Structures are given as C-alpha cells and as structure tokens.
Amino acid sequence: MLCLVSLSFNTYAQDKKEKKNDKKEVTFDVSMTCDNCKKKIEKNIAFEKGVSDMKVDLPSKTVMVVYHENKTNQEKLQKAIEKLGYEVKVHEDTK
C-alpha cells in the first residue's frame, strides 16, 4: 500500500514538472491606442486556451503572453488578437 502512494506522488510531481516545462513566452507589438484597447485585449486573450499569464503594456504597445505550447501556439495567439481588430506582429526580441 505504501508503495502505491509513493508511486502516485512521484507521477504527480513529474506531471507538474512537465507542465511547467511546456511553457513558452511571446511578445507582440499591437496597434492599441487607449486604455479600452488594453482592457479589451486583457479580457479576451486571458481566456484563450493555453494562456497562463499575460501583460499588456499600453505605453510600449506590447502584449506579452505566457502559454502552454501543447495547448496553443504563437500563430493562434496572434490571430486571436487580430480578430479583436488590431494589427499584430511578433516583437523583434522574441523572434
């Protein structure tokens, strides 16, 4: 019985580690112009499948997204922001 509990815990710990390792980060340059744009992007992109964190910075007009690469990818995230009506390109530092 004790071996089963130990085996279950080790499998759980390994799963958590693998989930952390599948995270990627991308930064986009976005044609947002106001605080409403920022809020619109935050509200919608935060609920995209695979997104675990994001930061929308209006002064620099950038959107940084941390995502699980087994659930989404850079192209899908870019298209999701474009669907909101913005011009989007990958920030030079993250290509």
C-alpha atoms as a PDB file:
ATOM      1  CA  MET A   1       0.000   0.000   0.000  1.00  0.00           C
ATOM      2  CA  LEU A   2       2.813   2.385   0.867  1.00  0.00           C
ATOM      3  CA  CYS A   3       4.496   1.764  -2.477  1.00  0.00           C
ATOM      4  CA  LEU A   4       1.347   2.751  -4.364  1.00  0.00           C
ATOM      5  CA  VAL A   5       1.091   6.060  -2.541  1.00  0.00           C
ATOM      6  CA  SER A   6       4.748   6.805  -3.229  1.00  0.00           C
ATOM      7  CA  LEU A   7       4.365   5.872  -6.896  1.00  0.00           C
ATOM      8  CA  SER A   8       1.294   8.095  -7.237  1.00  0.00           C
ATOM      9  CA  PHE A   9       3.077  11.045  -5.671  1.00  0.00           C
ATOM     10  CA  ASN A  10       6.113  10.645  -7.949  1.00  0.00           C
ATOM     11  CA  THR A  11       3.880  10.523 -11.035  1.00  0.00           C
ATOM     12  CA  TYR A  12       2.015  13.637  -9.879  1.00  0.00           C
ATOM     13  CA  ALA A  13       5.274  15.502  -9.250  1.00  0.00           C
ATOM     14  CA  GLN A  14       6.589  14.508 -12.684  1.00  0.00           C
ATOM     15  CA  ASP A  15       3.347  15.682 -14.350  1.00  0.00           C
ATOM     16  CA  LYS A  16       3.630  19.071 -12.641  1.00  0.00           C
ATOM     17  CA  LYS A  17       7.248  19.397 -13.768  1.00  0.00           C
ATOM     18  CA  GLU A  18       6.359  18.553 -17.367  1.00  0.00           C
ATOM     19  CA  LYS A  19       3.549  21.117 -17.340  1.00  0.00           C
ATOM     20  CA  LYS A  20       5.970  23.821 -16.227  1.00  0.00           C
ATOM     21  CA  ASN A  21       8.426  22.883 -18.975  1.00  0.00           C
ATOM     22  CA  ASP A  22       5.901  23.255 -21.781  1.00  0.00           C
ATOM     23  CA  LYS A  23       5.504  26.998 -21.177  1.00  0.00           C
ATOM     24  CA  LYS A  24       6.613  29.452 -23.826  1.00  0.00           C
ATOM     25  CA  GLU A  25       6.583  33.233 -23.921  1.00  0.00           C
ATOM     26  CA  VAL A  26       5.948  35.571 -26.832  1.00  0.00           C
ATOM     27  CA  THR A  27       5.681  39.343 -27.063  1.00  0.00           C
ATOM     28  CA  PHE A  28       3.606  41.049 -29.727  1.00  0.00           C
ATOM     29  CA  ASP A  29       3.620  44.632 -30.964  1.00  0.00           C
ATOM     30  CA  VAL A  30      -0.048  45.628 -31.136  1.00  0.00           C
ATOM     31  CA  SER A  31      -1.715  48.685 -32.668  1.00  0.00           C
ATOM     32  CA  MET A  32      -3.630  49.570 -29.488  1.00  0.00           C
ATOM     33  CA  THR A  33      -4.152  53.252 -28.740  1.00  0.00           C
ATOM     34  CA  CYS A  34      -6.087  53.602 -25.482  1.00  0.00           C
ATOM     35  CA  ASP A  35      -6.940  52.049 -22.137  1.00  0.00           C
ATOM     36  CA  ASN A  36     -10.094  50.499 -23.621  1.00  0.00           C
ATOM     37  CA  CYS A  37      -7.904  48.664 -26.147  1.00  0.00           C
ATOM     38  CA  LYS A  38      -5.743  47.364 -23.315  1.00  0.00           C
ATOM     39  CA  LYS A  39      -8.755  46.145 -21.353  1.00  0.00           C
ATOM     40  CA  LYS A  40     -10.304  44.516 -24.431  1.00  0.00           C
ATOM     41  CA  ILE A  41      -7.120  42.540 -25.099  1.00  0.00           C
ATOM     42  CA  GLU A  42      -6.685  41.558 -21.434  1.00  0.00           C
ATOM     43  CA  LYS A  43     -10.293  40.439 -21.146  1.00  0.00           C
ATOM     44  CA  ASN A  44     -10.309  38.335 -24.304  1.00  0.00           C
ATOM     45  CA  ILE A  45      -6.827  36.863 -24.579  1.00  0.00           C
ATOM     46  CA  ALA A  46      -6.683  35.781 -20.930  1.00  0.00           C
ATOM     47  CA  PHE A  47      -9.407  33.245 -21.752  1.00  0.00           C
ATOM     48  CA  GLU A  48      -7.688  31.780 -24.803  1.00  0.00           C
ATOM     49  CA  LYS A  49      -6.949  28.089 -24.392  1.00  0.00           C
ATOM     50  CA  GLY A  50      -3.427  27.536 -23.047  1.00  0.00           C
ATOM     51  CA  VAL A  51      -2.742  31.084 -21.808  1.00  0.00           C
ATOM     52  CA  SER A  52      -1.292  31.020 -18.297  1.00  0.00           C
ATOM     53  CA  ASP A  53      -0.171  34.646 -17.912  1.00  0.00           C
ATOM     54  CA  MET A  54      -0.063  37.891 -19.831  1.00  0.00           C
ATOM     55  CA  LYS A  55       0.956  41.506 -19.538  1.00  0.00           C
ATOM     56  CA  VAL A  56      -0.470  44.249 -21.720  1.00  0.00           C
ATOM     57  CA  ASP A  57       1.658  47.392 -21.716  1.00  0.00           C
ATOM     58  CA  LEU A  58      -0.062  50.365 -23.341  1.00  0.00           C
ATOM     59  CA  PRO A  59       2.902  52.826 -23.375  1.00  0.00           C
ATOM     60  CA  SER A  60       5.098  50.357 -25.303  1.00  0.00           C
ATOM     61  CA  LYS A  61       2.104  48.901 -27.197  1.00  0.00           C
ATOM     62  CA  THR A  62       3.174  45.357 -26.397  1.00  0.00           C
ATOM     63  CA  VAL A  63       1.381  42.233 -25.255  1.00  0.00           C
ATOM     64  CA  MET A  64       3.470  39.535 -23.554  1.00  0.00           C
ATOM     65  CA  VAL A  65       1.813  36.137 -23.311  1.00  0.00           C
ATOM     66  CA  VAL A  66       2.967  33.040 -21.446  1.00  0.00           C
ATOM     67  CA  TYR A  67       1.285  29.936 -22.817  1.00  0.00           C
ATOM     68  CA  HIS A  68       1.390  26.149 -22.777  1.00  0.00           C
ATOM     69  CA  GLU A  69       2.748  25.060 -26.149  1.00  0.00           C
ATOM     70  CA  ASN A  70       0.829  21.789 -26.025  1.00  0.00           C
ATOM     71  CA  LYS A  71      -2.461  23.758 -25.988  1.00  0.00           C
ATOM     72  CA  THR A  72      -1.782  26.714 -28.293  1.00  0.00           C
ATOM     73  CA  ASN A  73       0.946  28.412 -30.280  1.00  0.00           C
ATOM     74  CA  GLN A  74       2.247  31.815 -31.263  1.00  0.00           C
ATOM     75  CA  GLU A  75       0.262  31.944 -34.517  1.00  0.00           C
ATOM     76  CA  LYS A  76      -3.066  31.157 -32.819  1.00  0.00           C
ATOM     77  CA  LEU A  77      -2.467  33.845 -30.203  1.00  0.00           C
ATOM     78  CA  GLN A  78      -1.570  36.389 -32.868  1.00  0.00           C
ATOM     79  CA  LYS A  79      -4.750  35.573 -34.819  1.00  0.00           C
ATOM     80  CA  ALA A  80      -6.829  35.886 -31.641  1.00  0.00           C
ATOM     81  CA  ILE A  81      -5.547  39.439 -31.096  1.00  0.00           C
ATOM     82  CA  GLU A  82      -6.044  40.274 -34.783  1.00  0.00           C
ATOM     83  CA  LYS A  83      -9.675  39.069 -34.515  1.00  0.00           C
ATOM     84  CA  LEU A  84     -10.185  41.846 -31.964  1.00  0.00           C
ATOM     85  CA  GLY A  85      -9.353  44.372 -34.694  1.00  0.00           C
ATOM     86  CA  TYR A  86      -5.672  45.137 -34.108  1.00  0.00           C
ATOM     87  CA  GLU A  87      -2.586  44.925 -36.271  1.00  0.00           C
ATOM     88  CA  VAL A  88      -0.200  42.480 -34.641  1.00  0.00           C
ATOM     89  CA  LYS A  89       3.389  41.416 -35.269  1.00  0.00           C
ATOM     90  CA  VAL A  90       5.885  39.464 -33.222  1.00  0.00           C
ATOM     91  CA  HIS A  91       8.167  41.780 -31.243  1.00  0.00           C
ATOM     92  CA  GLU A  92      11.722  41.747 -32.622  1.00  0.00           C
ATOM     93  CA  ASP A  93      13.248  40.434 -29.371  1.00  0.00           C
ATOM     94  CA  THR A  94      11.101  37.287 -29.370  1.00  0.00           C
ATOM     95  CA  LYS A  95      11.560  36.065 -32.949  1.00  0.00           C
END
